[in-house]
Amino acid sequence: MKVICIPVVNRPECAVALSTAFDIGQQLGATVMGYHLRKHGDSDVSLPDEVAAMISGEEDNDEASNPSQEDACGLFAQVAESKGYTFKKKAANSPVALWQAKAGSPDKLFSIVGPVTDMIVVSRPANKNSVVASKFMQSALLNSAKPVLILPQESQATVGKHISIAWNQSAEAARAVTAAIPLMRQAESVNIITNGVEDRVGPKSRHLQQYLTMHGIDANHIQCREKDDTEALLSSFQQTQSDLMVMGAYSRSRLRQLIFGGVTEHMLYQADIPVLMLHT
């Protein structure tokens, strides 16, 4: 992981997410790219009126200045300096704090920028009624094809020192694990959490342990037998004192999870823990 992307507005939860992004960037020797998004008048995804103070209506000039953008840039530069990063507006071949301002909508931003970054960092919405925050989170997850680190709005003591993997033998979970290997190499402990019998077609936990061993990662297996997968994951997460959950997103159809609920939806909106998800 050499490129970490984070949308930036001048809000307390964004300051928290920025601090974590730069901390991870320091560990991995990665550039942190901060993006401030201005609404584009021709976008097919309109943002609600209440976000007008956060995102301006200017359209095409990336260098255009407005108070919201200036405040966001100031926050990004301040956190970057506190973490020992050099503020830049052009990419470099060494880790920097790279500032970008774009016009558009979240889905288009993450469709264009997401695929050419290594990880996206966003704050978890305060609740399901937080329309703008939910739009950014879902767009990052569904449009980028890259891992998305979803953080609680409150600051965490650590993120990524003790990692749990939600393992269900799915291709989505396997891809999330592969994406998280740079973080797991830095971790002090890694746990593979399964619930019930591993009877799906796909690699079992022992196969995952073998795979991680070949990457220099020693992982423990925690086998749960709960009726509810979410309960099993969160209970084991707390018992192992983990500070990051790695999992695939929407292993079942997204529509089914939206209607009936599911692990992904719970982790996105209700579980107030750091989660690294990947959906492809």
Protein backbone atom coordinates (compact mmCIF):
# COMPACT_ATOMS: atom_id res chain seq x y z
CA MET A 1 0.00 0.00 0.00
CA LYS A 2 1.61 3.20 -1.20
CA VAL A 3 -1.40 5.42 -1.91
CA ILE A 4 -4.12 6.16 0.67
CA CYS A 5 -7.10 8.27 -0.43
CA ILE A 6 -9.42 10.19 1.90
CA PRO A 7 -12.25 12.65 1.16
CA VAL A 8 -11.77 15.82 3.20
CA VAL A 9 -14.16 18.35 4.72
CA ASN A 10 -13.59 20.53 7.76
CA ARG A 11 -15.46 18.38 10.27
CA PRO A 12 -14.35 16.73 13.56
CA GLU A 13 -14.86 13.16 12.29
CA CYS A 14 -12.76 13.96 9.24
CA ALA A 15 -9.94 15.21 11.46
CA VAL A 16 -10.09 11.85 13.28
CA ALA A 17 -10.01 9.91 10.00
CA LEU A 18 -7.13 12.04 8.69
CA SER A 19 -5.06 11.37 11.80
CA THR A 20 -5.56 7.62 11.37
CA ALA A 21 -4.83 7.76 7.63
CA PHE A 22 -1.54 9.56 8.22
CA ASP A 23 -0.60 7.17 11.05
CA ILE A 24 -1.11 4.20 8.72
CA GLY A 25 0.69 6.06 5.96
CA GLN A 26 3.70 6.50 8.22
CA GLN A 27 3.77 2.77 9.01
CA LEU A 28 3.55 1.77 5.35
CA GLY A 29 5.58 4.59 3.79
CA ALA A 30 2.50 5.70 1.83
CA THR A 31 1.32 8.96 0.31
CA VAL A 32 -1.96 10.26 1.71
CA MET A 33 -4.16 11.90 -0.94
CA GLY A 34 -6.79 14.29 0.39
CA TYR A 35 -9.73 15.01 -1.93
CA HIS A 36 -12.20 17.84 -1.44
CA LEU A 37 -15.24 17.33 -3.65
CA ARG A 38 -17.24 20.16 -5.15
CA LYS A 39 -20.67 19.34 -6.57
CA HIS A 40 -20.84 19.30 -10.36
CA GLY A 41 -23.94 20.81 -11.90
CA ASP A 42 -24.21 18.02 -14.51
CA SER A 43 -23.79 15.14 -12.10
CA ASP A 44 -26.41 12.42 -12.30
CA VAL A 45 -26.06 11.91 -8.54
CA SER A 46 -27.23 15.04 -6.79
CA LEU A 47 -26.22 15.86 -3.26
CA PRO A 48 -28.87 17.22 -0.89
CA ASP A 49 -29.27 20.93 -0.19
CA GLU A 50 -28.05 20.66 3.39
CA VAL A 51 -24.56 19.88 2.18
CA ALA A 52 -24.26 23.23 0.40
CA ALA A 53 -22.07 24.57 3.16
CA MET A 54 -19.77 21.58 2.77
CA ILE A 55 -19.59 21.26 -1.00
CA SER A 56 -19.80 24.28 -3.28
CA GLY A 57 -21.59 24.46 -6.63
CA GLU A 58 -18.56 25.45 -8.69
CA GLU A 59 -18.07 23.15 -11.62
CA ASP A 60 -14.91 22.76 -13.61
CA ASN A 61 -11.97 24.77 -12.31
CA ASP A 62 -9.94 22.53 -10.00
CA GLU A 63 -8.03 25.55 -8.72
CA ALA A 64 -11.17 27.53 -7.89
CA SER A 65 -11.26 28.77 -4.32
CA ASN A 66 -14.19 28.76 -1.91
CA PRO A 67 -14.44 28.88 1.90
CA SER A 68 -15.38 25.21 2.26
CA GLN A 69 -12.47 24.12 0.10
CA GLU A 70 -10.03 26.44 1.87
CA ASP A 71 -11.13 25.15 5.29
CA ALA A 72 -10.76 21.54 4.13
CA CYS A 73 -7.30 22.26 2.72
CA GLY A 74 -6.30 23.96 5.95
CA LEU A 75 -7.37 20.94 8.02
CA PHE A 76 -5.53 18.55 5.70
CA ALA A 77 -2.34 20.64 5.80
CA GLN A 78 -2.51 20.99 9.59
CA VAL A 79 -2.86 17.24 10.23
CA ALA A 80 -0.20 16.47 7.62
CA GLU A 81 2.29 18.80 9.31
CA SER A 82 1.56 17.31 12.74
CA LYS A 83 2.41 13.86 11.32
CA GLY A 84 5.64 15.00 9.64
CA TYR A 85 4.28 14.96 6.08
CA THR A 86 5.16 17.49 3.38
CA PHE A 87 2.15 19.17 1.79
CA LYS A 88 2.13 18.95 -2.02
CA LYS A 89 -0.27 19.54 -4.90
CA LYS A 90 1.64 17.31 -7.31
CA ALA A 91 2.48 13.65 -6.96
CA ALA A 92 5.99 12.62 -5.93
CA ASN A 93 7.88 9.33 -5.81
CA SER A 94 8.19 9.62 -2.03
CA PRO A 95 5.44 9.73 0.63
CA VAL A 96 3.78 13.16 0.73
CA ALA A 97 0.47 14.74 1.72
CA LEU A 98 -1.06 15.22 -1.73
CA TRP A 99 -3.94 17.71 -1.93
CA GLN A 100 -6.55 17.55 -4.68
CA ALA A 101 -9.84 19.42 -5.24
CA LYS A 102 -12.29 18.04 -7.77
CA ALA A 103 -15.76 18.79 -9.10
CA GLY A 104 -18.20 15.91 -9.31
CA SER A 105 -20.18 13.48 -7.21
CA PRO A 106 -19.02 10.70 -4.86
CA ASP A 107 -19.80 7.88 -7.29
CA LYS A 108 -17.81 9.50 -10.08
CA LEU A 109 -14.93 10.50 -7.79
CA PHE A 110 -14.42 6.96 -6.53
CA SER A 111 -14.99 5.42 -9.96
CA ILE A 112 -12.11 7.53 -11.32
CA VAL A 113 -9.78 7.95 -8.36
CA GLY A 114 -10.54 4.75 -6.43
CA PRO A 115 -9.08 2.21 -8.86
CA VAL A 116 -5.70 4.01 -8.86
CA THR A 117 -5.31 4.14 -5.08
CA ASP A 118 -4.46 1.33 -2.67
CA MET A 119 -6.92 2.11 0.11
CA ILE A 120 -9.71 4.60 0.82
CA VAL A 121 -10.44 5.94 4.31
CA VAL A 122 -13.89 7.25 5.25
CA SER A 123 -15.82 8.00 8.44
CA ARG A 124 -18.81 5.88 9.37
CA PRO A 125 -22.08 7.84 9.07
CA ALA A 126 -23.57 8.93 12.38
CA ASN A 127 -26.70 6.98 11.37
CA LYS A 128 -28.56 5.74 8.28
CA ASN A 129 -30.18 9.15 7.93
CA SER A 130 -26.78 10.78 7.33
CA VAL A 131 -27.37 11.00 3.59
CA VAL A 132 -24.12 12.63 2.49
CA ALA A 133 -21.82 10.50 4.67
CA SER A 134 -23.64 7.35 3.56
CA LYS A 135 -23.29 8.38 -0.09
CA PHE A 136 -19.52 8.79 0.28
CA MET A 137 -19.13 5.49 2.16
CA GLN A 138 -21.26 3.43 -0.23
CA SER A 139 -19.70 5.05 -3.31
CA ALA A 140 -16.20 4.29 -2.05
CA LEU A 141 -17.18 0.69 -1.34
CA LEU A 142 -19.15 -0.03 -4.52
CA ASN A 143 -17.31 2.06 -7.13
CA SER A 144 -13.61 1.81 -6.34
CA ALA A 145 -12.87 -1.96 -6.34
CA LYS A 146 -10.31 -1.19 -3.62
CA PRO A 147 -10.31 -1.76 0.16
CA VAL A 148 -12.18 0.83 2.18
CA LEU A 149 -11.26 1.54 5.81
CA ILE A 150 -14.43 2.65 7.61
CA LEU A 151 -13.68 4.41 10.90
CA PRO A 152 -15.82 5.35 13.90
CA GLN A 153 -16.37 9.06 14.29
CA GLU A 154 -14.56 9.06 17.64
CA SER A 155 -10.77 8.71 17.83
CA GLN A 156 -9.43 5.19 18.44
CA ALA A 157 -6.37 4.43 20.56
CA THR A 158 -5.01 2.15 17.82
CA VAL A 159 -6.15 0.85 14.44
CA GLY A 160 -4.50 -2.22 12.94
CA LYS A 161 -2.34 -3.50 15.79
CA HIS A 162 -4.70 -6.39 16.53
CA ILE A 163 -6.59 -7.55 13.47
CA SER A 164 -9.53 -9.95 13.17
CA ILE A 165 -10.57 -11.53 9.88
CA ALA A 166 -14.25 -12.34 9.32
CA TRP A 167 -13.84 -15.58 7.35
CA ASN A 168 -16.75 -17.19 5.50
CA GLN A 169 -14.87 -18.98 2.68
CA SER A 170 -16.08 -16.43 0.13
CA ALA A 171 -14.11 -14.85 -2.70
CA GLU A 172 -14.99 -11.42 -1.28
CA ALA A 173 -13.38 -12.30 2.08
CA ALA A 174 -10.31 -13.73 0.33
CA ARG A 175 -9.80 -10.55 -1.69
CA ALA A 176 -10.15 -8.43 1.44
CA VAL A 177 -7.49 -10.52 3.18
CA THR A 178 -5.09 -10.14 0.27
CA ALA A 179 -5.61 -6.38 0.25
CA ALA A 180 -4.96 -6.21 4.00
CA ILE A 181 -1.69 -8.17 3.99
CA PRO A 182 0.50 -5.01 4.28
CA LEU A 183 -1.45 -4.06 7.42
CA MET A 184 -1.33 -7.59 8.85
CA ARG A 185 2.44 -7.71 8.45
CA GLN A 186 2.60 -4.69 10.75
CA ALA A 187 0.12 -6.11 13.28
CA GLU A 188 0.96 -7.60 16.65
CA SER A 189 -1.75 -10.26 16.37
CA VAL A 190 -4.07 -11.64 13.68
CA ASN A 191 -7.14 -13.78 14.33
CA ILE A 192 -9.31 -15.69 11.87
CA ILE A 193 -12.92 -15.80 13.07
CA THR A 194 -15.33 -18.41 11.72
CA ASN A 195 -18.84 -19.26 12.83
CA GLY A 196 -20.35 -22.71 12.51
CA VAL A 197 -19.27 -25.48 10.17
CA GLU A 198 -17.04 -24.53 7.25
CA ASP A 199 -19.09 -26.41 4.66
CA ARG A 200 -19.13 -23.97 1.75
CA VAL A 201 -17.15 -24.53 -1.43
CA GLY A 202 -14.07 -22.45 -0.79
CA PRO A 203 -10.90 -22.36 1.30
CA LYS A 204 -11.28 -23.30 4.95
CA SER A 205 -9.62 -21.47 7.82
CA ARG A 206 -6.65 -23.86 7.78
CA HIS A 207 -6.04 -22.99 4.14
CA LEU A 208 -6.12 -19.29 5.03
CA GLN A 209 -3.68 -19.87 7.89
CA GLN A 210 -1.31 -21.61 5.48
CA TYR A 211 -1.62 -18.75 3.00
CA LEU A 212 -0.87 -16.15 5.67
CA THR A 213 2.07 -18.18 6.99
CA MET A 214 3.67 -17.96 3.54
CA HIS A 215 3.29 -14.18 3.82
CA GLY A 216 5.07 -14.20 7.18
CA ILE A 217 1.86 -13.75 9.21
CA ASP A 218 1.07 -16.01 12.17
CA ALA A 219 -2.72 -16.16 12.54
CA ASN A 220 -4.86 -17.80 15.22
CA HIS A 221 -8.18 -19.47 14.45
CA ILE A 222 -11.21 -18.69 16.61
CA GLN A 223 -14.14 -21.02 15.92
CA CYS A 224 -17.55 -19.78 17.06
CA ARG A 225 -20.87 -21.60 17.19
CA GLU A 226 -23.38 -18.80 17.45
CA LYS A 227 -26.76 -18.62 15.74
CA ASP A 228 -25.99 -15.14 14.47
CA ASP A 229 -22.84 -14.42 12.42
CA THR A 230 -22.71 -10.76 13.45
CA GLU A 231 -22.91 -11.62 17.13
CA ALA A 232 -20.11 -14.17 16.73
CA LEU A 233 -17.85 -11.70 14.94
CA LEU A 234 -18.36 -8.82 17.36
CA SER A 235 -18.05 -11.02 20.43
CA SER A 236 -14.74 -12.50 19.22
CA PHE A 237 -13.55 -9.05 18.15
CA GLN A 238 -14.02 -7.78 21.70
CA GLN A 239 -12.58 -10.89 23.38
CA THR A 240 -9.39 -10.68 21.34
CA GLN A 241 -9.14 -6.91 21.97
CA SER A 242 -8.94 -6.36 18.24
CA ASP A 243 -8.88 -2.88 16.76
CA LEU A 244 -9.62 -3.69 13.09
CA MET A 245 -11.98 -6.12 11.36
CA VAL A 246 -11.11 -7.30 7.84
CA MET A 247 -13.98 -8.66 5.77
CA GLY A 248 -15.52 -8.94 2.34
CA ALA A 249 -18.56 -6.82 1.59
CA TYR A 250 -21.90 -8.12 0.35
CA SER A 251 -21.00 -11.80 0.00
CA ARG A 252 -24.74 -12.26 -0.50
CA SER A 253 -26.55 -9.95 -2.91
CA ARG A 254 -26.60 -6.34 -1.81
CA LEU A 255 -30.35 -6.11 -2.45
CA ARG A 256 -31.00 -9.09 -0.18
CA GLN A 257 -28.90 -7.56 2.59
CA LEU A 258 -30.59 -4.17 2.22
CA ILE A 259 -34.02 -5.79 2.52
CA PHE A 260 -33.41 -8.47 5.11
CA GLY A 261 -30.30 -7.15 6.83
CA GLY A 262 -26.94 -8.84 6.95
CA VAL A 263 -23.42 -8.75 8.31
CA THR A 264 -22.22 -6.09 5.84
CA GLU A 265 -25.08 -3.69 6.60
CA HIS A 266 -24.62 -4.16 10.35
CA MET A 267 -20.90 -3.50 10.15
CA LEU A 268 -21.44 -0.44 7.98
CA TYR A 269 -24.05 1.28 10.09
CA GLN A 270 -24.25 -0.23 13.57
CA ALA A 271 -20.96 -1.80 14.67
CA ASP A 272 -18.90 1.11 15.95
CA ILE A 273 -15.53 -0.47 15.19
CA PRO A 274 -12.88 0.08 12.50
CA VAL A 275 -13.63 -2.18 9.52
CA LEU A 276 -11.64 -2.78 6.34
CA MET A 277 -14.01 -3.94 3.60
CA LEU A 278 -13.58 -4.84 -0.05
CA HIS A 279 -16.28 -5.32 -2.65
CA THR A 280 -15.43 -6.19 -6.25
